Amino acid sequence: MNGSFAAIESFAVVTVLGLGGLGLSGCTTSWPRLSFAVEQRLLRETTLDDLPSGKAEPGDSVVHVIHTGKDGGSCSGALIGPRHVLTAEHCMMRVDAHHELTTTEIVPGDVHVELGGGYLPWGRVGVREIHGCPGYTNDLEHDVAVLVLSRPVPAEVPALRVSFDVPREAGVYELAGFGTYEKPREIPETGWFVYSLTRHLHAGPVRQVRDGSLVVEVTGAPGDSGGPIFDTATGNIVAVVSRLARQDDPKNREPAVSGPRFMTCRKTIEEALAR
C-alpha cells in the first residue's frame, strides 16, 4: 500500500438523538434527529461545499458518505477523481419503515460527502449526480455507484486508481472505511447520544475470486459499505464493500467482506468520470 494510507487512523464523534439499530449490508443507519428541516438548513448555510485548502491529511481520499433525512445512514467511499466518489449502490437506496432496503434510489440532495476524520470533518461537499450501475437488484455484482460532487475537492487530496483487472488470488488486500460496532453512549442528564467513528484500515488475504465479485478475509463493520478494497502491491482499488460476513456473537464474527469487481460496471464508472 502506498504511503498515503500509512497513517489512516483518525477519530470523529457524531452527536445524534435517540437510539437505533445497525443497518443492512454494512451500512449504518442514523438515529432520530431534532429536526430534519434544521439539519438541512445547517448543511446549506454553514458547512456544505466548504472545502478549505491546506486541511487534508494522509488517508483523506477515503471519505464518509452521509445519507441525510429521516431514513438516512452512513457509508464509506473513495475519491477516484477531483469530484468523483466511488461507493456502493445499496448506500444510495431508500429504506422503508422497517429499515429494509428498497429499490428506490435517493436523490442527490439527500446525500453529501465528508472529508477528514477528526472531531469534525474539515470539509463537506454536496452531490450533483448519482450514477448507479444498471441492473442492480440488491445483488453483489452490480453494487457500485459513482457520485459526482457539486465542486472539486482541494488538489492536495489525491484521487485513487480503479483497477478493472482480475484481482490476484495470492494478494494481500486492505479495507478502509468508517464502520463501527460501537453502541451510542448517552450524555448524562440529556437526551443526546454520541458514538465514535474510527477511519480504520484492515488487511487480509483473498478468500475467493469470482467472476463478478471478490471475498477478502478482513474485518468489516456497519458503515464500511462502499469503502475501497485495495491491492497492497499496486495501491489500486479492486472492489468496494458490499456485504459483511456477520455472526450473532460479537466475539466470533467471521472476518470477511465481499464486494463487486468493476468489469460489470465499467461503463458506468467511465461515463461518470467524464462528467
C-alpha atoms as a PDB file:
ATOM      1  CA  MET A   1       0.000   0.000   0.000  1.00  0.00           C
ATOM      2  CA  ASN A   2       1.373   3.458  -0.756  1.00  0.00           C
ATOM      3  CA  GLY A   3       2.395   5.869   1.969  1.00  0.00           C
ATOM      4  CA  SER A   4      -0.763   7.990   1.787  1.00  0.00           C
ATOM      5  CA  PHE A   5      -2.571   5.314   3.775  1.00  0.00           C
ATOM      6  CA  ALA A   6       0.147   4.516   6.280  1.00  0.00           C
ATOM      7  CA  ALA A   7      -1.377   6.797   8.922  1.00  0.00           C
ATOM      8  CA  ILE A   8      -5.078   6.428   8.323  1.00  0.00           C
ATOM      9  CA  GLU A   9      -6.210   6.198  11.943  1.00  0.00           C
ATOM     10  CA  SER A  10      -8.463   9.106  12.895  1.00  0.00           C
ATOM     11  CA  PHE A  11     -11.295   9.783  15.289  1.00  0.00           C
ATOM     12  CA  ALA A  12     -14.659  11.515  14.972  1.00  0.00           C
ATOM     13  CA  VAL A  13     -17.615  11.980  17.281  1.00  0.00           C
ATOM     14  CA  VAL A  14     -21.141  12.254  15.921  1.00  0.00           C
ATOM     15  CA  THR A  15     -23.946  13.621  18.084  1.00  0.00           C
ATOM     16  CA  VAL A  16     -27.453  12.301  17.499  1.00  0.00           C
ATOM     17  CA  LEU A  17     -30.781  11.926  19.285  1.00  0.00           C
ATOM     18  CA  GLY A  18     -32.447   8.672  20.165  1.00  0.00           C
ATOM     19  CA  LEU A  19     -31.219   5.136  19.717  1.00  0.00           C
ATOM     20  CA  GLY A  20     -31.465   2.942  16.633  1.00  0.00           C
ATOM     21  CA  GLY A  21     -30.150  -0.301  15.167  1.00  0.00           C
ATOM     22  CA  LEU A  22     -27.404  -1.192  12.771  1.00  0.00           C
ATOM     23  CA  GLY A  23     -28.172  -1.162   9.086  1.00  0.00           C
ATOM     24  CA  LEU A  24     -28.027  -3.901   6.475  1.00  0.00           C
ATOM     25  CA  SER A  25     -25.176  -4.996   4.225  1.00  0.00           C
ATOM     26  CA  GLY A  26     -22.595  -2.962   6.094  1.00  0.00           C
ATOM     27  CA  CYS A  27     -24.469   0.347   6.260  1.00  0.00           C
ATOM     28  CA  THR A  28     -25.032   2.248   9.481  1.00  0.00           C
ATOM     29  CA  THR A  29     -28.441   3.811   9.955  1.00  0.00           C
ATOM     30  CA  SER A  30     -28.875   7.195  11.564  1.00  0.00           C
ATOM     31  CA  TRP A  31     -30.558   7.915  14.871  1.00  0.00           C
ATOM     32  CA  PRO A  32     -33.542  10.293  15.052  1.00  0.00           C
ATOM     33  CA  ARG A  33     -32.652  13.974  14.878  1.00  0.00           C
ATOM     34  CA  LEU A  34     -34.085  17.085  16.432  1.00  0.00           C
ATOM     35  CA  SER A  35     -35.431  18.336  13.129  1.00  0.00           C
ATOM     36  CA  PHE A  36     -34.806  17.281   9.559  1.00  0.00           C
ATOM     37  CA  ALA A  37     -35.511  20.857   8.405  1.00  0.00           C
ATOM     38  CA  VAL A  38     -32.954  22.282  10.837  1.00  0.00           C
ATOM     39  CA  GLU A  39     -30.364  19.721   9.736  1.00  0.00           C
ATOM     40  CA  GLN A  40     -30.830  20.628   6.088  1.00  0.00           C
ATOM     41  CA  ARG A  41     -30.608  24.351   6.829  1.00  0.00           C
ATOM     42  CA  LEU A  42     -27.365  23.871   8.771  1.00  0.00           C
ATOM     43  CA  LEU A  43     -25.867  21.882   5.912  1.00  0.00           C
ATOM     44  CA  ARG A  44     -26.847  24.542   3.380  1.00  0.00           C
ATOM     45  CA  GLU A  45     -25.885  27.626   5.366  1.00  0.00           C
ATOM     46  CA  THR A  46     -22.799  26.580   7.318  1.00  0.00           C
ATOM     47  CA  THR A  47     -20.725  23.689   6.064  1.00  0.00           C
ATOM     48  CA  LEU A  48     -21.921  22.220   2.770  1.00  0.00           C
ATOM     49  CA  ASP A  49     -19.448  22.890  -0.056  1.00  0.00           C
ATOM     50  CA  ASP A  50     -16.964  24.374   2.397  1.00  0.00           C
ATOM     51  CA  LEU A  51     -13.676  22.837   1.220  1.00  0.00           C
ATOM     52  CA  PRO A  52     -10.751  24.896   2.524  1.00  0.00           C
ATOM     53  CA  SER A  53      -7.266  24.218   1.187  1.00  0.00           C
ATOM     54  CA  GLY A  54      -4.434  23.111   3.418  1.00  0.00           C
ATOM     55  CA  LYS A  55      -6.535  20.882   5.677  1.00  0.00           C
ATOM     56  CA  ALA A  56      -6.027  17.478   4.056  1.00  0.00           C
ATOM     57  CA  GLU A  57      -4.202  14.683   5.877  1.00  0.00           C
ATOM     58  CA  PRO A  58      -2.919  11.265   4.728  1.00  0.00           C
ATOM     59  CA  GLY A  59      -5.819   8.943   4.051  1.00  0.00           C
ATOM     60  CA  ASP A  60      -8.380  11.654   3.255  1.00  0.00           C
ATOM     61  CA  SER A  61      -9.006  10.080  -0.160  1.00  0.00           C
ATOM     62  CA  VAL A  62     -11.224   7.676   1.813  1.00  0.00           C
ATOM     63  CA  VAL A  63     -14.366   9.652   2.619  1.00  0.00           C
ATOM     64  CA  HIS A  64     -17.507   9.427   4.708  1.00  0.00           C
ATOM     65  CA  VAL A  65     -20.732   9.244   2.685  1.00  0.00           C
ATOM     66  CA  ILE A  66     -23.743  10.614   4.590  1.00  0.00           C
ATOM     67  CA  HIS A  67     -27.350   9.948   3.582  1.00  0.00           C
ATOM     68  CA  THR A  68     -29.365  12.597   5.395  1.00  0.00           C
ATOM     69  CA  GLY A  69     -33.051  12.621   6.268  1.00  0.00           C
ATOM     70  CA  LYS A  70     -35.277  10.514   8.460  1.00  0.00           C
ATOM     71  CA  ASP A  71     -34.248   7.307   6.674  1.00  0.00           C
ATOM     72  CA  GLY A  72     -30.622   8.328   6.400  1.00  0.00           C
ATOM     73  CA  GLY A  73     -27.461   6.427   7.174  1.00  0.00           C
ATOM     74  CA  SER A  74     -23.711   6.300   6.875  1.00  0.00           C
ATOM     75  CA  CYS A  75     -21.382   4.600   4.386  1.00  0.00           C
ATOM     76  CA  SER A  76     -17.807   4.936   3.147  1.00  0.00           C
ATOM     77  CA  GLY A  77     -16.353   5.817  -0.238  1.00  0.00           C
ATOM     78  CA  ALA A  78     -13.194   6.733  -2.138  1.00  0.00           C
ATOM     79  CA  LEU A  79     -12.253   9.669  -4.314  1.00  0.00           C
ATOM     80  CA  ILE A  80     -11.441   8.462  -7.828  1.00  0.00           C
ATOM     81  CA  GLY A  81     -11.419  11.941  -9.367  1.00  0.00           C
ATOM     82  CA  PRO A  82     -11.391  15.549  -8.145  1.00  0.00           C
ATOM     83  CA  ARG A  83     -15.194  15.465  -7.956  1.00  0.00           C
ATOM     84  CA  HIS A  84     -15.977  11.743  -8.112  1.00  0.00           C
ATOM     85  CA  VAL A  85     -16.603   9.323  -5.243  1.00  0.00           C
ATOM     86  CA  LEU A  86     -16.834   5.552  -5.688  1.00  0.00           C
ATOM     87  CA  THR A  87     -19.192   3.793  -3.262  1.00  0.00           C
ATOM     88  CA  ALA A  88     -21.822   1.021  -3.100  1.00  0.00           C
ATOM     89  CA  GLU A  89     -25.147   1.397  -4.882  1.00  0.00           C
ATOM     90  CA  HIS A  90     -27.109  -0.025  -1.931  1.00  0.00           C
ATOM     91  CA  CYS A  91     -25.946   3.026   0.045  1.00  0.00           C
ATOM     92  CA  MET A  92     -27.956   5.125  -2.415  1.00  0.00           C
ATOM     93  CA  MET A  93     -31.212   3.239  -1.816  1.00  0.00           C
ATOM     94  CA  ARG A  94     -34.060   4.409   0.366  1.00  0.00           C
ATOM     95  CA  VAL A  95     -35.088   2.307   3.349  1.00  0.00           C
ATOM     96  CA  ASP A  96     -38.636   1.572   4.468  1.00  0.00           C
ATOM     97  CA  ALA A  97     -40.235   1.949   7.901  1.00  0.00           C
ATOM     98  CA  HIS A  98     -38.623  -1.325   8.996  1.00  0.00           C
ATOM     99  CA  HIS A  99     -35.130  -0.150   7.919  1.00  0.00           C
ATOM    100  CA  GLU A 100     -35.145  -2.591   4.999  1.00  0.00           C
ATOM    101  CA  LEU A 101     -33.587  -1.512   1.718  1.00  0.00           C
ATOM    102  CA  THR A 102     -35.998  -0.660  -1.096  1.00  0.00           C
ATOM    103  CA  THR A 103     -35.292  -0.472  -4.839  1.00  0.00           C
ATOM    104  CA  THR A 104     -35.829   3.317  -4.950  1.00  0.00           C
ATOM    105  CA  GLU A 105     -32.713   5.434  -5.334  1.00  0.00           C
ATOM    106  CA  ILE A 106     -32.362   8.584  -3.251  1.00  0.00           C
ATOM    107  CA  VAL A 107     -31.986  11.983  -4.919  1.00  0.00           C
ATOM    108  CA  PRO A 108     -28.590  13.753  -4.971  1.00  0.00           C
ATOM    109  CA  GLY A 109     -29.792  16.361  -2.486  1.00  0.00           C
ATOM    110  CA  ASP A 110     -30.183  13.664   0.170  1.00  0.00           C
ATOM    111  CA  VAL A 111     -26.515  12.723   0.264  1.00  0.00           C
ATOM    112  CA  HIS A 112     -23.254  14.550   0.915  1.00  0.00           C
ATOM    113  CA  VAL A 113     -19.611  13.631   1.395  1.00  0.00           C
ATOM    114  CA  GLU A 114     -17.419  14.491   4.391  1.00  0.00           C
ATOM    115  CA  LEU A 115     -13.620  14.722   4.293  1.00  0.00           C
ATOM    116  CA  GLY A 116     -11.269  14.211   7.205  1.00  0.00           C
ATOM    117  CA  GLY A 117     -11.502  12.108  10.306  1.00  0.00           C
ATOM    118  CA  GLY A 118     -11.027  14.452  13.243  1.00  0.00           C
ATOM    119  CA  TYR A 119     -13.540  15.631  15.816  1.00  0.00           C
ATOM    120  CA  LEU A 120     -15.439  17.286  12.959  1.00  0.00           C
ATOM    121  CA  PRO A 121     -14.846  16.879   9.201  1.00  0.00           C
ATOM    122  CA  TRP A 122     -12.724  19.626   7.723  1.00  0.00           C
ATOM    123  CA  GLY A 123     -14.844  19.714   4.581  1.00  0.00           C
ATOM    124  CA  ARG A 124     -18.307  18.791   3.402  1.00  0.00           C
ATOM    125  CA  VAL A 125     -19.447  18.761  -0.198  1.00  0.00           C
ATOM    126  CA  GLY A 126     -22.788  18.131  -1.866  1.00  0.00           C
ATOM    127  CA  VAL A 127     -23.594  15.629  -4.594  1.00  0.00           C
ATOM    128  CA  ARG A 128     -24.789  16.736  -8.015  1.00  0.00           C
ATOM    129  CA  GLU A 129     -25.373  13.352  -9.661  1.00  0.00           C
ATOM    130  CA  ILE A 130     -25.656   9.687  -8.666  1.00  0.00           C
ATOM    131  CA  HIS A 131     -24.579   7.123 -11.276  1.00  0.00           C
ATOM    132  CA  GLY A 132     -25.717   3.676 -10.190  1.00  0.00           C
ATOM    133  CA  CYS A 133     -24.704   0.534 -12.040  1.00  0.00           C
ATOM    134  CA  PRO A 134     -27.585  -0.552 -14.345  1.00  0.00           C
ATOM    135  CA  GLY A 135     -29.163  -3.873 -13.449  1.00  0.00           C
ATOM    136  CA  TYR A 136     -28.733  -3.522  -9.682  1.00  0.00           C
ATOM    137  CA  THR A 137     -31.341  -5.615  -7.843  1.00  0.00           C
ATOM    138  CA  ASN A 138     -29.769  -5.776  -4.380  1.00  0.00           C
ATOM    139  CA  ASP A 139     -27.193  -8.127  -5.874  1.00  0.00           C
ATOM    140  CA  LEU A 140     -23.462  -8.202  -5.265  1.00  0.00           C
ATOM    141  CA  GLU A 141     -22.101  -7.881  -8.803  1.00  0.00           C
ATOM    142  CA  HIS A 142     -23.875  -4.565  -9.601  1.00  0.00           C
ATOM    143  CA  ASP A 143     -23.478  -2.911  -6.186  1.00  0.00           C
ATOM    144  CA  VAL A 144     -21.447   0.039  -7.487  1.00  0.00           C
ATOM    145  CA  ALA A 145     -22.221   3.761  -7.680  1.00  0.00           C
ATOM    146  CA  VAL A 146     -20.261   6.872  -8.539  1.00  0.00           C
ATOM    147  CA  LEU A 147     -21.199  10.222  -7.006  1.00  0.00           C
ATOM    148  CA  VAL A 148     -20.438  13.418  -8.927  1.00  0.00           C
ATOM    149  CA  LEU A 149     -19.712  16.158  -6.401  1.00  0.00           C
ATOM    150  CA  SER A 150     -21.047  19.694  -6.639  1.00  0.00           C
ATOM    151  CA  ARG A 151     -17.480  21.038  -6.647  1.00  0.00           C
ATOM    152  CA  PRO A 152     -13.979  19.524  -6.807  1.00  0.00           C
ATOM    153  CA  VAL A 153     -12.072  18.742  -3.639  1.00  0.00           C
ATOM    154  CA  PRO A 154      -8.777  20.582  -2.984  1.00  0.00           C
ATOM    155  CA  ALA A 155      -5.864  19.471  -5.134  1.00  0.00           C
ATOM    156  CA  GLU A 156      -3.928  18.102  -2.147  1.00  0.00           C
ATOM    157  CA  VAL A 157      -6.456  15.266  -1.756  1.00  0.00           C
ATOM    158  CA  PRO A 158      -5.266  12.693  -4.312  1.00  0.00           C
ATOM    159  CA  ALA A 159      -7.614  10.667  -6.477  1.00  0.00           C
ATOM    160  CA  LEU A 160      -7.227   6.891  -6.235  1.00  0.00           C
ATOM    161  CA  ARG A 161      -6.965   4.476  -9.140  1.00  0.00           C
ATOM    162  CA  VAL A 162      -9.601   1.892 -10.060  1.00  0.00           C
ATOM    163  CA  SER A 163      -8.431  -1.443 -11.450  1.00  0.00           C
ATOM    164  CA  PHE A 164     -10.564  -3.471 -13.852  1.00  0.00           C
ATOM    165  CA  ASP A 165      -8.085  -6.347 -13.847  1.00  0.00           C
ATOM    166  CA  VAL A 166      -8.700  -9.732 -12.241  1.00  0.00           C
ATOM    167  CA  PRO A 167      -7.606  -9.493  -8.572  1.00  0.00           C
ATOM    168  CA  ARG A 168      -4.550 -11.541  -7.631  1.00  0.00           C
ATOM    169  CA  GLU A 169      -5.606 -14.699  -5.780  1.00  0.00           C
ATOM    170  CA  ALA A 170      -2.385 -14.693  -3.768  1.00  0.00           C
ATOM    171  CA  GLY A 171      -2.553 -10.993  -2.975  1.00  0.00           C
ATOM    172  CA  VAL A 172      -2.998  -9.122   0.297  1.00  0.00           C
ATOM    173  CA  TYR A 173      -5.773  -6.554   0.361  1.00  0.00           C
ATOM    174  CA  GLU A 174      -6.727  -3.673   2.621  1.00  0.00           C
ATOM    175  CA  LEU A 175     -10.143  -2.289   3.511  1.00  0.00           C
ATOM    176  CA  ALA A 176     -10.505   1.365   4.529  1.00  0.00           C
ATOM    177  CA  GLY A 177     -13.757   2.724   5.939  1.00  0.00           C
ATOM    178  CA  PHE A 178     -15.738   4.373   8.713  1.00  0.00           C
ATOM    179  CA  GLY A 179     -17.543   1.329  10.065  1.00  0.00           C
ATOM    180  CA  THR A 180     -18.126   0.634  13.753  1.00  0.00           C
ATOM    181  CA  TYR A 181     -19.948  -1.818  16.015  1.00  0.00           C
ATOM    182  CA  GLU A 182     -19.830   0.650  18.879  1.00  0.00           C
ATOM    183  CA  LYS A 183     -23.110   1.465  20.583  1.00  0.00           C
ATOM    184  CA  PRO A 184     -24.057   5.097  21.268  1.00  0.00           C
ATOM    185  CA  ARG A 185     -23.364   6.473  24.743  1.00  0.00           C
ATOM    186  CA  GLU A 186     -25.803   8.842  26.413  1.00  0.00           C
ATOM    187  CA  ILE A 187     -24.574  12.223  27.622  1.00  0.00           C
ATOM    188  CA  PRO A 188     -25.594  12.453  31.314  1.00  0.00           C
ATOM    189  CA  GLU A 189     -28.744  14.442  32.056  1.00  0.00           C
ATOM    190  CA  THR A 190     -29.553  14.905  28.380  1.00  0.00           C
ATOM    191  CA  GLY A 191     -31.430  13.042  25.698  1.00  0.00           C
ATOM    192  CA  TRP A 192     -28.395  13.090  23.447  1.00  0.00           C
ATOM    193  CA  PHE A 193     -26.271  10.123  22.437  1.00  0.00           C
ATOM    194  CA  VAL A 194     -22.764  10.093  20.973  1.00  0.00           C
ATOM    195  CA  TYR A 195     -20.718   7.425  19.254  1.00  0.00           C
ATOM    196  CA  SER A 196     -17.196   7.476  17.891  1.00  0.00           C
ATOM    197  CA  LEU A 197     -16.161   6.651  14.346  1.00  0.00           C
ATOM    198  CA  THR A 198     -12.644   5.500  13.516  1.00  0.00           C
ATOM    199  CA  ARG A 199     -11.465   5.563   9.933  1.00  0.00           C
ATOM    200  CA  HIS A 200      -9.685   2.259  10.012  1.00  0.00           C
ATOM    201  CA  LEU A 201      -7.504   0.151   7.767  1.00  0.00           C
ATOM    202  CA  HIS A 202      -7.564  -3.664   7.918  1.00  0.00           C
ATOM    203  CA  ALA A 203      -5.535  -6.088   5.813  1.00  0.00           C
ATOM    204  CA  GLY A 204      -6.056  -9.719   4.856  1.00  0.00           C
ATOM    205  CA  PRO A 205      -5.711 -12.325   2.092  1.00  0.00           C
ATOM    206  CA  VAL A 206      -8.170 -13.212  -0.651  1.00  0.00           C
ATOM    207  CA  ARG A 207     -10.624 -15.936   0.225  1.00  0.00           C
ATOM    208  CA  GLN A 208     -12.223 -16.242  -3.198  1.00  0.00           C
ATOM    209  CA  VAL A 209     -12.130 -14.520  -6.598  1.00  0.00           C
ATOM    210  CA  ARG A 210     -15.379 -14.904  -8.512  1.00  0.00           C
ATOM    211  CA  ASP A 211     -16.365 -13.748 -11.995  1.00  0.00           C
ATOM    212  CA  GLY A 212     -18.097 -10.625 -10.686  1.00  0.00           C
ATOM    213  CA  SER A 213     -17.028 -10.328  -7.071  1.00  0.00           C
ATOM    214  CA  LEU A 214     -14.261 -10.728  -4.526  1.00  0.00           C
ATOM    215  CA  VAL A 215     -14.193 -12.115  -0.955  1.00  0.00           C
ATOM    216  CA  VAL A 216     -11.397 -10.939   1.337  1.00  0.00           C
ATOM    217  CA  GLU A 217     -10.545 -12.037   4.877  1.00  0.00           C
ATOM    218  CA  VAL A 218     -10.679  -8.669   6.623  1.00  0.00           C
ATOM    219  CA  THR A 219     -12.804  -7.419   9.495  1.00  0.00           C
ATOM    220  CA  GLY A 220     -15.607  -5.067   8.481  1.00  0.00           C
ATOM    221  CA  ALA A 221     -18.335  -3.260  10.394  1.00  0.00           C
ATOM    222  CA  PRO A 222     -21.605  -1.462   9.622  1.00  0.00           C
ATOM    223  CA  GLY A 223     -20.666   1.779   7.916  1.00  0.00           C
ATOM    224  CA  ASP A 224     -17.884   0.187   5.837  1.00  0.00           C
ATOM    225  CA  SER A 225     -20.224  -0.326   2.876  1.00  0.00           C
ATOM    226  CA  GLY A 226     -18.834   1.392  -0.188  1.00  0.00           C
ATOM    227  CA  GLY A 227     -15.371   1.522   1.356  1.00  0.00           C
ATOM    228  CA  PRO A 228     -12.495   0.717  -1.009  1.00  0.00           C
ATOM    229  CA  ILE A 229     -10.659  -2.608  -1.035  1.00  0.00           C
ATOM    230  CA  PHE A 230      -7.055  -2.047  -2.165  1.00  0.00           C
ATOM    231  CA  ASP A 231      -4.430  -4.324  -3.630  1.00  0.00           C
ATOM    232  CA  THR A 232      -1.462  -3.638  -1.341  1.00  0.00           C
ATOM    233  CA  ALA A 233       1.021  -4.321  -4.154  1.00  0.00           C
ATOM    234  CA  THR A 234      -0.358  -1.657  -6.506  1.00  0.00           C
ATOM    235  CA  GLY A 235      -2.462   0.658  -4.320  1.00  0.00           C
ATOM    236  CA  ASN A 236      -5.333   0.237  -6.798  1.00  0.00           C
ATOM    237  CA  ILE A 237      -8.962  -0.203  -5.756  1.00  0.00           C
ATOM    238  CA  VAL A 238     -10.154  -3.648  -6.888  1.00  0.00           C
ATOM    239  CA  ALA A 239     -13.609  -3.721  -5.214  1.00  0.00           C
ATOM    240  CA  VAL A 240     -15.894  -1.870  -2.808  1.00  0.00           C
ATOM    241  CA  VAL A 241     -17.510  -3.346   0.291  1.00  0.00           C
ATOM    242  CA  SER A 242     -20.999  -4.677  -0.345  1.00  0.00           C
ATOM    243  CA  ARG A 243     -21.577  -7.431   2.218  1.00  0.00           C
ATOM    244  CA  LEU A 244     -20.239  -8.288   5.651  1.00  0.00           C
ATOM    245  CA  ALA A 245     -19.920 -11.845   6.938  1.00  0.00           C
ATOM    246  CA  ARG A 246     -21.603 -11.370  10.322  1.00  0.00           C
ATOM    247  CA  GLN A 247     -22.487 -13.613  13.232  1.00  0.00           C
ATOM    248  CA  ASP A 248     -24.739 -13.039  16.234  1.00  0.00           C
ATOM    249  CA  ASP A 249     -21.903 -13.322  18.755  1.00  0.00           C
ATOM    250  CA  PRO A 250     -19.804 -10.103  18.565  1.00  0.00           C
ATOM    251  CA  LYS A 251     -16.738 -12.016  19.783  1.00  0.00           C
ATOM    252  CA  ASN A 252     -16.948 -14.594  16.994  1.00  0.00           C
ATOM    253  CA  ARG A 253     -17.789 -12.621  13.878  1.00  0.00           C
ATOM    254  CA  GLU A 254     -16.279 -14.146  10.794  1.00  0.00           C
ATOM    255  CA  PRO A 255     -13.676 -11.693   9.440  1.00  0.00           C
ATOM    256  CA  ALA A 256     -14.699 -11.448   5.804  1.00  0.00           C
ATOM    257  CA  VAL A 257     -16.153  -8.896   3.425  1.00  0.00           C
ATOM    258  CA  SER A 258     -17.307  -9.287  -0.152  1.00  0.00           C
ATOM    259  CA  GLY A 259     -17.684  -6.744  -2.887  1.00  0.00           C
ATOM    260  CA  PRO A 260     -18.182  -6.344  -6.622  1.00  0.00           C
ATOM    261  CA  ARG A 261     -15.349  -6.265  -9.080  1.00  0.00           C
ATOM    262  CA  PHE A 262     -15.660  -3.424 -11.560  1.00  0.00           C
ATOM    263  CA  MET A 263     -15.814  -5.011 -15.021  1.00  0.00           C
ATOM    264  CA  THR A 264     -19.617  -5.358 -14.871  1.00  0.00           C
ATOM    265  CA  CYS A 265     -19.976  -1.651 -14.084  1.00  0.00           C
ATOM    266  CA  ARG A 266     -17.009  -0.328 -16.063  1.00  0.00           C
ATOM    267  CA  LYS A 267     -19.157   1.715 -18.451  1.00  0.00           C
ATOM    268  CA  THR A 268     -20.940   3.403 -15.538  1.00  0.00           C
ATOM    269  CA  ILE A 269     -17.651   4.306 -13.840  1.00  0.00           C
ATOM    270  CA  GLU A 270     -16.043   5.663 -17.006  1.00  0.00           C
ATOM    271  CA  GLU A 271     -19.124   7.676 -18.017  1.00  0.00           C
ATOM    272  CA  ALA A 272     -19.385   9.198 -14.542  1.00  0.00           C
ATOM    273  CA  LEU A 273     -15.698  10.174 -14.582  1.00  0.00           C
ATOM    274  CA  ALA A 274     -16.340  12.057 -17.828  1.00  0.00           C
ATOM    275  CA  ARG A 275     -18.963  14.255 -16.143  1.00  0.00           C
END
